[in-house]
Amino acid sequence: MRRSFVLLSMALAATFQAGSALAFTDKPVKLIVPAPPGGTIDVFARIISDQLANELKQPVIVENRPGAGGAMAVKYMLAQPADGNTLLVTVTNILTEVPHVLKGGFDAMKDVKPVSQMARSVMVFIASPQFPAKDAKEALAYIKAHPGQLSFASYSQGTASQYAGVILNQKAGLDMQHVPFPGSAPALAQVMGNQIPLMFDGSVTSKPLIPSGKVKLLAIGYKSRLPEYPNVPTMAELGYPEVDFSNWAGVFASSKTPPALMEKIHTTLQKVNASQAVQARYVATGFEPIRQERSLEQLSTDLLAEYSRNGEIVKNFGIKLN
């Protein structure tokens, strides 16, 4: 009887220690979001916060700090102690695209480190409902037959939404005119209203509009087709492999965070990300879940590769903020 009690006590202690090993802090955690409440990345952060609070047994608070192309949020996070209690939740474009055209007062590749890669938004090529083409091949032929007469919207100057259009112009011999907007929502409103016929947009904001026919999906600007649209080709399949863009969403920390603590945070967030309930909520929000785990070193390599590629595009095409 006593031996059984001792064994049970040891088992409970081991279970407690295993659970505690995942808890990288015994204080409330703040997730800083570089966007206003209600936006896509805000919703994404709240999906993470719910599950992370369950893992840590601590409150996890989402704090919105929009402005300056994401720099307000990044600089706030960097100004806090690098103890894992203040983390950044964002999509990679504020670190790999915006800094090439807008100086934010920090070094995106030195001051910030990725901790967890969780979901992805891929580029899609869309058209207004009235655009006279039923698929991408017809669309490209129509654009080519009307040089200088058609425009494409982007969700901001100096972003992949613009990169994709200018690259397609060059590679396909087109002459589309670029019209930038301050975000996807106002750009999509113009596309839905047929004021601007074409756009390269992130899948997260376009997906909800496709089933109802508010926008027309022409092609996928990513290396592989989307599972929910198996018959829609990629731009690579159409002959333009350079039009391959995506941003991943995840959690980032100050580069001053001790390596052992970074590993603990990484392990905890990977457990959060593995939750089927969390992944289902990603899909409902329009993100593609990322199920393959990447090490901290691999994440930093991925981020640098994305940053470097975008820097070359900005340089080669002379892209800058007006």
C-alpha atoms as a PDB file:
ATOM      1  CA  MET A   1       0.000   0.000   0.000  1.00  0.00           C
ATOM      2  CA  ARG A   2       2.757   2.424   1.009  1.00  0.00           C
ATOM      3  CA  ARG A   3       4.816   1.421  -2.059  1.00  0.00           C
ATOM      4  CA  SER A   4       1.838   2.159  -4.338  1.00  0.00           C
ATOM      5  CA  PHE A   5       1.381   5.555  -2.684  1.00  0.00           C
ATOM      6  CA  VAL A   6       5.075   6.392  -3.232  1.00  0.00           C
ATOM      7  CA  LEU A   7       4.911   5.335  -6.895  1.00  0.00           C
ATOM      8  CA  LEU A   8       1.780   7.404  -7.436  1.00  0.00           C
ATOM      9  CA  SER A   9       3.426  10.425  -5.803  1.00  0.00           C
ATOM     10  CA  MET A  10       6.472  10.024  -8.027  1.00  0.00           C
ATOM     11  CA  ALA A  11       4.309   9.788 -11.132  1.00  0.00           C
ATOM     12  CA  LEU A  12       2.366  12.898 -10.203  1.00  0.00           C
ATOM     13  CA  ALA A  13       5.601  14.760  -9.508  1.00  0.00           C
ATOM     14  CA  ALA A  14       7.004  13.729 -12.892  1.00  0.00           C
ATOM     15  CA  THR A  15       3.816  14.864 -14.613  1.00  0.00           C
ATOM     16  CA  PHE A  16       3.953  18.207 -12.819  1.00  0.00           C
ATOM     17  CA  GLN A  17       7.611  18.660 -13.739  1.00  0.00           C
ATOM     18  CA  ALA A  18       6.912  17.835 -17.387  1.00  0.00           C
ATOM     19  CA  GLY A  19       4.109  20.375 -17.461  1.00  0.00           C
ATOM     20  CA  SER A  20       6.231  22.981 -15.696  1.00  0.00           C
ATOM     21  CA  ALA A  21       9.017  22.486 -18.212  1.00  0.00           C
ATOM     22  CA  LEU A  22       6.732  23.920 -20.878  1.00  0.00           C
ATOM     23  CA  ALA A  23       5.826  26.961 -18.799  1.00  0.00           C
ATOM     24  CA  PHE A  24       8.562  29.411 -19.738  1.00  0.00           C
ATOM     25  CA  THR A  25       7.200  32.036 -17.318  1.00  0.00           C
ATOM     26  CA  ASP A  26       5.149  32.292 -14.139  1.00  0.00           C
ATOM     27  CA  LYS A  27       3.871  35.780 -15.047  1.00  0.00           C
ATOM     28  CA  PRO A  28       1.243  37.121 -17.461  1.00  0.00           C
ATOM     29  CA  VAL A  29       2.405  37.310 -21.079  1.00  0.00           C
ATOM     30  CA  LYS A  30       1.734  40.136 -23.522  1.00  0.00           C
ATOM     31  CA  LEU A  31       1.408  39.434 -27.256  1.00  0.00           C
ATOM     32  CA  ILE A  32       2.053  42.657 -29.182  1.00  0.00           C
ATOM     33  CA  VAL A  33       0.196  42.972 -32.494  1.00  0.00           C
ATOM     34  CA  PRO A  34       1.170  45.562 -35.154  1.00  0.00           C
ATOM     35  CA  ALA A  35      -2.435  46.027 -36.278  1.00  0.00           C
ATOM     36  CA  PRO A  36      -5.706  47.386 -34.890  1.00  0.00           C
ATOM     37  CA  PRO A  37      -8.281  45.181 -33.119  1.00  0.00           C
ATOM     38  CA  GLY A  38     -10.469  43.044 -35.363  1.00  0.00           C
ATOM     39  CA  GLY A  39      -7.975  42.670 -38.203  1.00  0.00           C
ATOM     40  CA  THR A  40      -6.673  39.361 -39.500  1.00  0.00           C
ATOM     41  CA  ILE A  41      -3.452  39.284 -37.474  1.00  0.00           C
ATOM     42  CA  ASP A  42      -5.332  40.421 -34.359  1.00  0.00           C
ATOM     43  CA  VAL A  43      -7.707  37.469 -34.744  1.00  0.00           C
ATOM     44  CA  PHE A  44      -4.707  35.189 -35.303  1.00  0.00           C
ATOM     45  CA  ALA A  45      -3.030  36.452 -32.114  1.00  0.00           C
ATOM     46  CA  ARG A  46      -6.168  35.781 -30.096  1.00  0.00           C
ATOM     47  CA  ILE A  47      -6.285  32.193 -31.366  1.00  0.00           C
ATOM     48  CA  ILE A  48      -2.744  31.737 -30.059  1.00  0.00           C
ATOM     49  CA  SER A  49      -3.400  33.588 -26.805  1.00  0.00           C
ATOM     50  CA  ASP A  50      -6.288  31.329 -25.811  1.00  0.00           C
ATOM     51  CA  GLN A  51      -4.278  28.132 -26.188  1.00  0.00           C
ATOM     52  CA  LEU A  52      -1.073  29.616 -24.772  1.00  0.00           C
ATOM     53  CA  ALA A  53      -2.919  30.702 -21.618  1.00  0.00           C
ATOM     54  CA  ASN A  54      -4.040  27.085 -21.171  1.00  0.00           C
ATOM     55  CA  GLU A  55      -0.452  25.858 -21.492  1.00  0.00           C
ATOM     56  CA  LEU A  56       1.109  28.453 -19.197  1.00  0.00           C
ATOM     57  CA  LYS A  57      -1.711  28.624 -16.651  1.00  0.00           C
ATOM     58  CA  GLN A  58      -1.173  32.382 -16.844  1.00  0.00           C
ATOM     59  CA  PRO A  59      -3.133  35.247 -18.448  1.00  0.00           C
ATOM     60  CA  VAL A  60      -2.052  36.025 -22.021  1.00  0.00           C
ATOM     61  CA  ILE A  61      -2.989  39.530 -23.111  1.00  0.00           C
ATOM     62  CA  VAL A  62      -3.163  40.733 -26.724  1.00  0.00           C
ATOM     63  CA  GLU A  63      -2.033  44.357 -26.994  1.00  0.00           C
ATOM     64  CA  ASN A  64      -2.553  46.249 -30.273  1.00  0.00           C
ATOM     65  CA  ARG A  65       0.096  48.773 -31.328  1.00  0.00           C
ATOM     66  CA  PRO A  66      -0.481  49.656 -34.994  1.00  0.00           C
ATOM     67  CA  GLY A  67       1.434  52.282 -36.910  1.00  0.00           C
ATOM     68  CA  ALA A  68       4.550  53.055 -38.973  1.00  0.00           C
ATOM     69  CA  GLY A  69       4.359  49.851 -41.004  1.00  0.00           C
ATOM     70  CA  GLY A  70       4.622  47.702 -37.896  1.00  0.00           C
ATOM     71  CA  ALA A  71       7.564  49.602 -36.404  1.00  0.00           C
ATOM     72  CA  MET A  72       5.551  50.886 -33.437  1.00  0.00           C
ATOM     73  CA  ALA A  73       4.863  47.336 -32.271  1.00  0.00           C
ATOM     74  CA  VAL A  74       8.393  46.083 -32.902  1.00  0.00           C
ATOM     75  CA  LYS A  75      10.051  48.973 -31.071  1.00  0.00           C
ATOM     76  CA  TYR A  76       7.689  48.603 -28.126  1.00  0.00           C
ATOM     77  CA  MET A  77       8.522  44.906 -27.843  1.00  0.00           C
ATOM     78  CA  LEU A  78      12.262  45.654 -28.055  1.00  0.00           C
ATOM     79  CA  ALA A  79      11.973  48.258 -25.280  1.00  0.00           C
ATOM     80  CA  GLN A  80      10.678  45.642 -22.803  1.00  0.00           C
ATOM     81  CA  PRO A  81      12.863  43.227 -20.810  1.00  0.00           C
ATOM     82  CA  ALA A  82      13.924  40.270 -22.963  1.00  0.00           C
ATOM     83  CA  ASP A  83      12.410  37.775 -20.530  1.00  0.00           C
ATOM     84  CA  GLY A  84       9.759  36.108 -22.705  1.00  0.00           C
ATOM     85  CA  ASN A  85       6.895  38.022 -21.109  1.00  0.00           C
ATOM     86  CA  THR A  86       6.491  40.378 -24.077  1.00  0.00           C
ATOM     87  CA  LEU A  87       6.388  38.770 -27.525  1.00  0.00           C
ATOM     88  CA  LEU A  88       5.446  39.958 -31.007  1.00  0.00           C
ATOM     89  CA  VAL A  89       2.771  38.228 -33.103  1.00  0.00           C
ATOM     90  CA  THR A  90       2.875  39.195 -36.748  1.00  0.00           C
ATOM     91  CA  VAL A  91       3.110  38.167 -40.362  1.00  0.00           C
ATOM     92  CA  THR A  92       6.648  38.289 -41.725  1.00  0.00           C
ATOM     93  CA  ASN A  93       6.033  41.145 -44.177  1.00  0.00           C
ATOM     94  CA  ILE A  94       6.649  43.784 -41.495  1.00  0.00           C
ATOM     95  CA  LEU A  95      10.158  42.356 -41.125  1.00  0.00           C
ATOM     96  CA  THR A  96      10.988  41.209 -44.659  1.00  0.00           C
ATOM     97  CA  GLU A  97       9.183  43.704 -46.928  1.00  0.00           C
ATOM     98  CA  VAL A  98       8.424  47.001 -45.183  1.00  0.00           C
ATOM     99  CA  PRO A  99      11.991  47.699 -43.894  1.00  0.00           C
ATOM    100  CA  HIS A 100      13.253  47.918 -47.504  1.00  0.00           C
ATOM    101  CA  VAL A 101      11.111  50.979 -48.193  1.00  0.00           C
ATOM    102  CA  LEU A 102      10.392  52.415 -44.741  1.00  0.00           C
ATOM    103  CA  LYS A 103      13.015  52.860 -42.030  1.00  0.00           C
ATOM    104  CA  GLY A 104      11.520  51.824 -38.705  1.00  0.00           C
ATOM    105  CA  GLY A 105      14.343  52.543 -36.284  1.00  0.00           C
ATOM    106  CA  PHE A 106      15.373  48.916 -35.793  1.00  0.00           C
ATOM    107  CA  ASP A 107      17.316  46.225 -37.668  1.00  0.00           C
ATOM    108  CA  ALA A 108      14.801  43.589 -38.700  1.00  0.00           C
ATOM    109  CA  MET A 109      17.442  40.884 -39.125  1.00  0.00           C
ATOM    110  CA  LYS A 110      19.473  41.623 -35.983  1.00  0.00           C
ATOM    111  CA  ASP A 111      17.136  42.982 -33.327  1.00  0.00           C
ATOM    112  CA  VAL A 112      14.262  40.494 -33.789  1.00  0.00           C
ATOM    113  CA  LYS A 113      14.351  36.697 -33.826  1.00  0.00           C
ATOM    114  CA  PRO A 114      11.604  34.276 -34.899  1.00  0.00           C
ATOM    115  CA  VAL A 115      10.434  31.872 -32.194  1.00  0.00           C
ATOM    116  CA  SER A 116       7.682  29.913 -33.902  1.00  0.00           C
ATOM    117  CA  GLN A 117       6.319  29.571 -37.431  1.00  0.00           C
ATOM    118  CA  MET A 118       2.618  28.747 -37.180  1.00  0.00           C
ATOM    119  CA  ALA A 119       0.549  29.467 -40.300  1.00  0.00           C
ATOM    120  CA  ARG A 120       0.880  30.859 -43.803  1.00  0.00           C
ATOM    121  CA  SER A 121      -0.892  33.290 -46.101  1.00  0.00           C
ATOM    122  CA  VAL A 122      -0.083  32.775 -49.788  1.00  0.00           C
ATOM    123  CA  MET A 123      -0.465  35.128 -52.720  1.00  0.00           C
ATOM    124  CA  VAL A 124      -3.465  34.752 -55.018  1.00  0.00           C
ATOM    125  CA  PHE A 125      -4.186  36.432 -58.367  1.00  0.00           C
ATOM    126  CA  ILE A 126      -7.765  37.683 -58.421  1.00  0.00           C
ATOM    127  CA  ALA A 127     -10.034  39.692 -60.694  1.00  0.00           C
ATOM    128  CA  SER A 128     -13.258  41.634 -60.393  1.00  0.00           C
ATOM    129  CA  PRO A 129     -16.481  39.671 -61.006  1.00  0.00           C
ATOM    130  CA  GLN A 130     -17.031  41.487 -64.315  1.00  0.00           C
ATOM    131  CA  PHE A 131     -13.537  40.896 -65.705  1.00  0.00           C
ATOM    132  CA  PRO A 132     -13.942  39.267 -69.145  1.00  0.00           C
ATOM    133  CA  ALA A 133     -11.869  36.139 -68.525  1.00  0.00           C
ATOM    134  CA  LYS A 134     -12.850  32.897 -66.873  1.00  0.00           C
ATOM    135  CA  ASP A 135      -9.329  31.748 -66.000  1.00  0.00           C
ATOM    136  CA  ALA A 136      -5.725  32.925 -65.813  1.00  0.00           C
ATOM    137  CA  LYS A 137      -4.785  32.032 -69.404  1.00  0.00           C
ATOM    138  CA  GLU A 138      -7.660  34.085 -70.759  1.00  0.00           C
ATOM    139  CA  ALA A 139      -6.837  36.888 -68.344  1.00  0.00           C
ATOM    140  CA  LEU A 140      -3.196  37.083 -69.433  1.00  0.00           C
ATOM    141  CA  ALA A 141      -4.213  37.103 -73.105  1.00  0.00           C
ATOM    142  CA  TYR A 142      -6.720  39.889 -72.436  1.00  0.00           C
ATOM    143  CA  ILE A 143      -4.189  41.997 -70.524  1.00  0.00           C
ATOM    144  CA  LYS A 144      -1.628  41.570 -73.300  1.00  0.00           C
ATOM    145  CA  ALA A 145      -4.192  42.649 -75.904  1.00  0.00           C
ATOM    146  CA  HIS A 146      -4.884  45.871 -73.960  1.00  0.00           C
ATOM    147  CA  PRO A 147      -1.447  47.336 -73.118  1.00  0.00           C
ATOM    148  CA  GLY A 148      -1.513  50.233 -70.667  1.00  0.00           C
ATOM    149  CA  GLN A 149      -5.299  50.078 -70.318  1.00  0.00           C
ATOM    150  CA  LEU A 150      -5.588  47.809 -67.264  1.00  0.00           C
ATOM    151  CA  SER A 151      -4.432  48.314 -63.702  1.00  0.00           C
ATOM    152  CA  PHE A 152      -3.740  46.086 -60.714  1.00  0.00           C
ATOM    153  CA  ALA A 153      -4.287  47.029 -57.085  1.00  0.00           C
ATOM    154  CA  SER A 154      -1.905  46.276 -54.229  1.00  0.00           C
ATOM    155  CA  TYR A 155      -2.359  46.451 -50.460  1.00  0.00           C
ATOM    156  CA  SER A 156       0.587  48.840 -50.203  1.00  0.00           C
ATOM    157  CA  GLN A 157       3.542  50.209 -52.080  1.00  0.00           C
ATOM    158  CA  GLY A 158       6.670  48.177 -51.438  1.00  0.00           C
ATOM    159  CA  THR A 159       4.950  44.879 -50.568  1.00  0.00           C
ATOM    160  CA  ALA A 160       4.739  41.470 -52.239  1.00  0.00           C
ATOM    161  CA  SER A 161       1.326  42.500 -53.557  1.00  0.00           C
ATOM    162  CA  GLN A 162       3.193  45.006 -55.738  1.00  0.00           C
ATOM    163  CA  TYR A 163       6.200  42.740 -56.350  1.00  0.00           C
ATOM    164  CA  ALA A 164       4.011  40.065 -57.939  1.00  0.00           C
ATOM    165  CA  GLY A 165       2.421  42.506 -60.375  1.00  0.00           C
ATOM    166  CA  VAL A 166       5.637  44.163 -61.529  1.00  0.00           C
ATOM    167  CA  ILE A 167       7.351  40.794 -61.965  1.00  0.00           C
ATOM    168  CA  LEU A 168       4.431  39.495 -64.031  1.00  0.00           C
ATOM    169  CA  ASN A 169       4.558  42.659 -66.133  1.00  0.00           C
ATOM    170  CA  GLN A 170       8.209  42.002 -66.913  1.00  0.00           C
ATOM    171  CA  LYS A 171       8.112  38.234 -67.419  1.00  0.00           C
ATOM    172  CA  ALA A 172       4.869  38.147 -69.447  1.00  0.00           C
ATOM    173  CA  GLY A 173       5.507  41.335 -71.425  1.00  0.00           C
ATOM    174  CA  LEU A 174       2.480  43.114 -69.942  1.00  0.00           C
ATOM    175  CA  ASP A 175       1.820  46.760 -69.185  1.00  0.00           C
ATOM    176  CA  MET A 176      -0.486  46.806 -66.162  1.00  0.00           C
ATOM    177  CA  GLN A 177      -0.561  50.018 -64.136  1.00  0.00           C
ATOM    178  CA  HIS A 178       0.009  49.764 -60.387  1.00  0.00           C
ATOM    179  CA  VAL A 179      -2.470  51.381 -57.958  1.00  0.00           C
ATOM    180  CA  PRO A 180      -1.442  51.038 -54.269  1.00  0.00           C
ATOM    181  CA  PHE A 181      -3.846  51.220 -51.328  1.00  0.00           C
ATOM    182  CA  PRO A 182      -3.353  51.409 -47.538  1.00  0.00           C
ATOM    183  CA  GLY A 183      -4.300  47.795 -46.889  1.00  0.00           C
ATOM    184  CA  SER A 184      -6.216  44.936 -48.480  1.00  0.00           C
ATOM    185  CA  ALA A 185      -9.696  46.115 -47.497  1.00  0.00           C
ATOM    186  CA  PRO A 186      -9.774  49.343 -49.560  1.00  0.00           C
ATOM    187  CA  ALA A 187      -8.032  47.634 -52.487  1.00  0.00           C
ATOM    188  CA  LEU A 188     -10.498  44.746 -52.471  1.00  0.00           C
ATOM    189  CA  ALA A 189     -13.412  47.178 -52.376  1.00  0.00           C
ATOM    190  CA  GLN A 190     -12.172  48.645 -55.677  1.00  0.00           C
ATOM    191  CA  VAL A 191     -11.725  45.197 -57.222  1.00  0.00           C
ATOM    192  CA  MET A 192     -15.171  44.021 -56.103  1.00  0.00           C
ATOM    193  CA  GLY A 193     -16.675  47.217 -57.506  1.00  0.00           C
ATOM    194  CA  ASN A 194     -14.843  46.715 -60.831  1.00  0.00           C
ATOM    195  CA  GLN A 195     -13.066  50.077 -60.544  1.00  0.00           C
ATOM    196  CA  ILE A 196      -9.761  48.168 -60.653  1.00  0.00           C
ATOM    197  CA  PRO A 197      -9.934  44.818 -62.439  1.00  0.00           C
ATOM    198  CA  LEU A 198      -6.972  42.882 -61.014  1.00  0.00           C
ATOM    199  CA  MET A 199      -5.030  42.331 -57.811  1.00  0.00           C
ATOM    200  CA  PHE A 200      -2.439  40.126 -56.148  1.00  0.00           C
ATOM    201  CA  ASP A 201      -3.684  39.660 -52.597  1.00  0.00           C
ATOM    202  CA  GLY A 202      -2.993  37.492 -49.584  1.00  0.00           C
ATOM    203  CA  SER A 203      -5.174  34.392 -49.379  1.00  0.00           C
ATOM    204  CA  VAL A 204      -6.380  35.296 -45.883  1.00  0.00           C
ATOM    205  CA  THR A 205      -8.281  38.387 -47.045  1.00  0.00           C
ATOM    206  CA  SER A 206      -9.385  37.057 -50.444  1.00  0.00           C
ATOM    207  CA  LYS A 207     -10.609  33.579 -49.482  1.00  0.00           C
ATOM    208  CA  PRO A 208     -13.864  34.738 -47.835  1.00  0.00           C
ATOM    209  CA  LEU A 209     -14.832  36.602 -51.021  1.00  0.00           C
ATOM    210  CA  ILE A 210     -14.258  33.817 -53.548  1.00  0.00           C
ATOM    211  CA  PRO A 211     -17.168  31.400 -52.821  1.00  0.00           C
ATOM    212  CA  SER A 212     -19.779  34.149 -53.204  1.00  0.00           C
ATOM    213  CA  GLY A 213     -18.244  35.417 -56.439  1.00  0.00           C
ATOM    214  CA  LYS A 214     -17.295  38.819 -55.022  1.00  0.00           C
ATOM    215  CA  VAL A 215     -13.872  38.287 -56.595  1.00  0.00           C
ATOM    216  CA  LYS A 216     -12.747  35.812 -59.245  1.00  0.00           C
ATOM    217  CA  LEU A 217      -9.788  33.532 -58.428  1.00  0.00           C
ATOM    218  CA  LEU A 218      -7.476  33.262 -61.454  1.00  0.00           C
ATOM    219  CA  ALA A 219      -4.286  31.646 -60.155  1.00  0.00           C
ATOM    220  CA  ILE A 220      -2.193  30.871 -57.083  1.00  0.00           C
ATOM    221  CA  GLY A 221       0.976  32.956 -56.683  1.00  0.00           C
ATOM    222  CA  TYR A 222       2.688  30.274 -54.610  1.00  0.00           C
ATOM    223  CA  LYS A 223       4.755  27.176 -55.324  1.00  0.00           C
ATOM    224  CA  SER A 224       1.837  24.776 -54.861  1.00  0.00           C
ATOM    225  CA  ARG A 225      -1.908  24.730 -55.408  1.00  0.00           C
ATOM    226  CA  LEU A 226      -4.238  25.360 -52.498  1.00  0.00           C
ATOM    227  CA  PRO A 227      -6.058  22.264 -51.183  1.00  0.00           C
ATOM    228  CA  GLU A 228      -9.447  23.993 -51.273  1.00  0.00           C
ATOM    229  CA  TYR A 229      -8.939  25.041 -54.923  1.00  0.00           C
ATOM    230  CA  PRO A 230      -7.303  21.973 -56.509  1.00  0.00           C
ATOM    231  CA  ASN A 231      -8.229  22.995 -60.069  1.00  0.00           C
ATOM    232  CA  VAL A 232      -6.746  26.494 -59.892  1.00  0.00           C
ATOM    233  CA  PRO A 233      -3.190  26.522 -61.335  1.00  0.00           C
ATOM    234  CA  THR A 234      -0.134  28.163 -59.855  1.00  0.00           C
ATOM    235  CA  MET A 235       1.625  30.986 -61.668  1.00  0.00           C
ATOM    236  CA  ALA A 236       4.568  28.597 -62.100  1.00  0.00           C
ATOM    237  CA  GLU A 237       2.330  26.204 -64.032  1.00  0.00           C
ATOM    238  CA  LEU A 238       1.399  29.105 -66.294  1.00  0.00           C
ATOM    239  CA  GLY A 239       5.072  29.766 -66.992  1.00  0.00           C
ATOM    240  CA  TYR A 240       5.910  32.358 -64.325  1.00  0.00           C
ATOM    241  CA  PRO A 241       7.666  30.598 -61.419  1.00  0.00           C
ATOM    242  CA  GLU A 242       9.059  33.928 -60.182  1.00  0.00           C
ATOM    243  CA  VAL A 243       5.556  34.884 -59.011  1.00  0.00           C
ATOM    244  CA  ASP A 244       5.811  32.845 -55.836  1.00  0.00           C
ATOM    245  CA  PHE A 245       5.054  34.736 -52.627  1.00  0.00           C
ATOM    246  CA  SER A 246       3.855  33.918 -49.162  1.00  0.00           C
ATOM    247  CA  ASN A 247       4.160  35.316 -45.669  1.00  0.00           C
ATOM    248  CA  TRP A 248       4.136  33.199 -42.567  1.00  0.00           C
ATOM    249  CA  ALA A 249       2.551  34.225 -39.327  1.00  0.00           C
ATOM    250  CA  GLY A 250       4.103  33.436 -35.995  1.00  0.00           C
ATOM    251  CA  VAL A 251       5.746  34.687 -32.830  1.00  0.00           C
ATOM    252  CA  PHE A 252       8.924  36.753 -32.539  1.00  0.00           C
ATOM    253  CA  ALA A 253      11.119  37.895 -29.643  1.00  0.00           C
ATOM    254  CA  SER A 254      13.960  40.285 -28.949  1.00  0.00           C
ATOM    255  CA  SER A 255      17.304  38.902 -30.089  1.00  0.00           C
ATOM    256  CA  LYS A 256      18.548  39.650 -26.549  1.00  0.00           C
ATOM    257  CA  THR A 257      16.397  36.822 -25.180  1.00  0.00           C
ATOM    258  CA  PRO A 258      18.673  34.124 -23.686  1.00  0.00           C
ATOM    259  CA  PRO A 259      18.997  31.068 -25.990  1.00  0.00           C
ATOM    260  CA  ALA A 260      17.756  28.600 -23.347  1.00  0.00           C
ATOM    261  CA  LEU A 261      14.632  30.711 -22.812  1.00  0.00           C
ATOM    262  CA  MET A 262      14.080  30.982 -26.575  1.00  0.00           C
ATOM    263  CA  GLU A 263      14.112  27.194 -26.773  1.00  0.00           C
ATOM    264  CA  LYS A 264      11.538  26.937 -23.988  1.00  0.00           C
ATOM    265  CA  ILE A 265       9.247  29.462 -25.668  1.00  0.00           C
ATOM    266  CA  HIS A 266       9.704  27.649 -28.984  1.00  0.00           C
ATOM    267  CA  THR A 267       8.773  24.289 -27.457  1.00  0.00           C
ATOM    268  CA  THR A 268       5.671  25.715 -25.795  1.00  0.00           C
ATOM    269  CA  LEU A 269       4.481  27.437 -28.959  1.00  0.00           C
ATOM    270  CA  GLN A 270       5.037  24.310 -31.030  1.00  0.00           C
ATOM    271  CA  LYS A 271       2.714  22.472 -28.660  1.00  0.00           C
ATOM    272  CA  VAL A 272       0.156  25.274 -29.070  1.00  0.00           C
ATOM    273  CA  ASN A 273       0.508  25.060 -32.846  1.00  0.00           C
ATOM    274  CA  ALA A 274       0.039  21.286 -32.880  1.00  0.00           C
ATOM    275  CA  SER A 275      -3.445  21.582 -31.397  1.00  0.00           C
ATOM    276  CA  GLN A 276      -6.079  20.435 -33.905  1.00  0.00           C
ATOM    277  CA  ALA A 277      -8.503  22.988 -32.500  1.00  0.00           C
ATOM    278  CA  VAL A 278      -5.979  25.777 -33.105  1.00  0.00           C
ATOM    279  CA  GLN A 279      -5.284  24.594 -36.650  1.00  0.00           C
ATOM    280  CA  ALA A 280      -9.016  24.446 -37.383  1.00  0.00           C
ATOM    281  CA  ARG A 281      -9.314  28.062 -36.239  1.00  0.00           C
ATOM    282  CA  TYR A 282      -6.425  29.037 -38.524  1.00  0.00           C
ATOM    283  CA  VAL A 283      -8.272  27.552 -41.492  1.00  0.00           C
ATOM    284  CA  ALA A 284     -11.489  29.324 -40.508  1.00  0.00           C
ATOM    285  CA  THR A 285      -9.530  32.603 -40.497  1.00  0.00           C
ATOM    286  CA  GLY A 286      -8.116  31.882 -43.965  1.00  0.00           C
ATOM    287  CA  PHE A 287      -4.586  30.798 -43.006  1.00  0.00           C
ATOM    288  CA  GLU A 288      -2.896  27.588 -44.114  1.00  0.00           C
ATOM    289  CA  PRO A 289      -1.591  25.744 -41.001  1.00  0.00           C
ATOM    290  CA  ILE A 290       2.136  24.991 -40.964  1.00  0.00           C
ATOM    291  CA  ARG A 291       2.555  21.535 -39.506  1.00  0.00           C
ATOM    292  CA  GLN A 292       6.247  20.955 -40.193  1.00  0.00           C
ATOM    293  CA  GLU A 293       8.335  22.047 -37.232  1.00  0.00           C
ATOM    294  CA  ARG A 294      11.353  24.257 -37.904  1.00  0.00           C
ATOM    295  CA  SER A 295      14.219  24.787 -35.457  1.00  0.00           C
ATOM    296  CA  LEU A 296      15.121  28.275 -34.249  1.00  0.00           C
ATOM    297  CA  GLU A 297      18.165  28.267 -36.515  1.00  0.00           C
ATOM    298  CA  GLN A 298      16.074  27.212 -39.523  1.00  0.00           C
ATOM    299  CA  LEU A 299      13.507  29.937 -38.785  1.00  0.00           C
ATOM    300  CA  SER A 300      16.203  32.612 -38.764  1.00  0.00           C
ATOM    301  CA  THR A 301      17.567  31.246 -42.054  1.00  0.00           C
ATOM    302  CA  ASP A 302      14.072  31.290 -43.586  1.00  0.00           C
ATOM    303  CA  LEU A 303      13.481  34.867 -42.463  1.00  0.00           C
ATOM    304  CA  LEU A 304      16.806  36.085 -43.830  1.00  0.00           C
ATOM    305  CA  ALA A 305      16.181  34.375 -47.185  1.00  0.00           C
ATOM    306  CA  GLU A 306      12.787  36.074 -47.471  1.00  0.00           C
ATOM    307  CA  TYR A 307      14.276  39.442 -46.510  1.00  0.00           C
ATOM    308  CA  SER A 308      17.176  39.128 -48.971  1.00  0.00           C
ATOM    309  CA  ARG A 309      14.967  38.079 -51.866  1.00  0.00           C
ATOM    310  CA  ASN A 310      12.620  41.007 -51.291  1.00  0.00           C
ATOM    311  CA  GLY A 311      15.562  43.395 -51.063  1.00  0.00           C
ATOM    312  CA  GLU A 312      16.736  42.294 -54.500  1.00  0.00           C
ATOM    313  CA  ILE A 313      13.255  42.799 -55.959  1.00  0.00           C
ATOM    314  CA  VAL A 314      13.000  46.289 -54.475  1.00  0.00           C
ATOM    315  CA  LYS A 315      16.431  47.163 -55.868  1.00  0.00           C
ATOM    316  CA  ASN A 316      15.934  45.633 -59.330  1.00  0.00           C
ATOM    317  CA  PHE A 317      12.542  47.251 -59.906  1.00  0.00           C
ATOM    318  CA  GLY A 318      13.282  50.565 -58.203  1.00  0.00           C
ATOM    319  CA  ILE A 319      10.388  50.131 -55.789  1.00  0.00           C
ATOM    320  CA  LYS A 320       9.961  52.864 -53.168  1.00  0.00           C
ATOM    321  CA  LEU A 321       7.300  54.691 -51.235  1.00  0.00           C
ATOM    322  CA  ASN A 322       5.840  57.699 -53.027  1.00  0.00           C
END
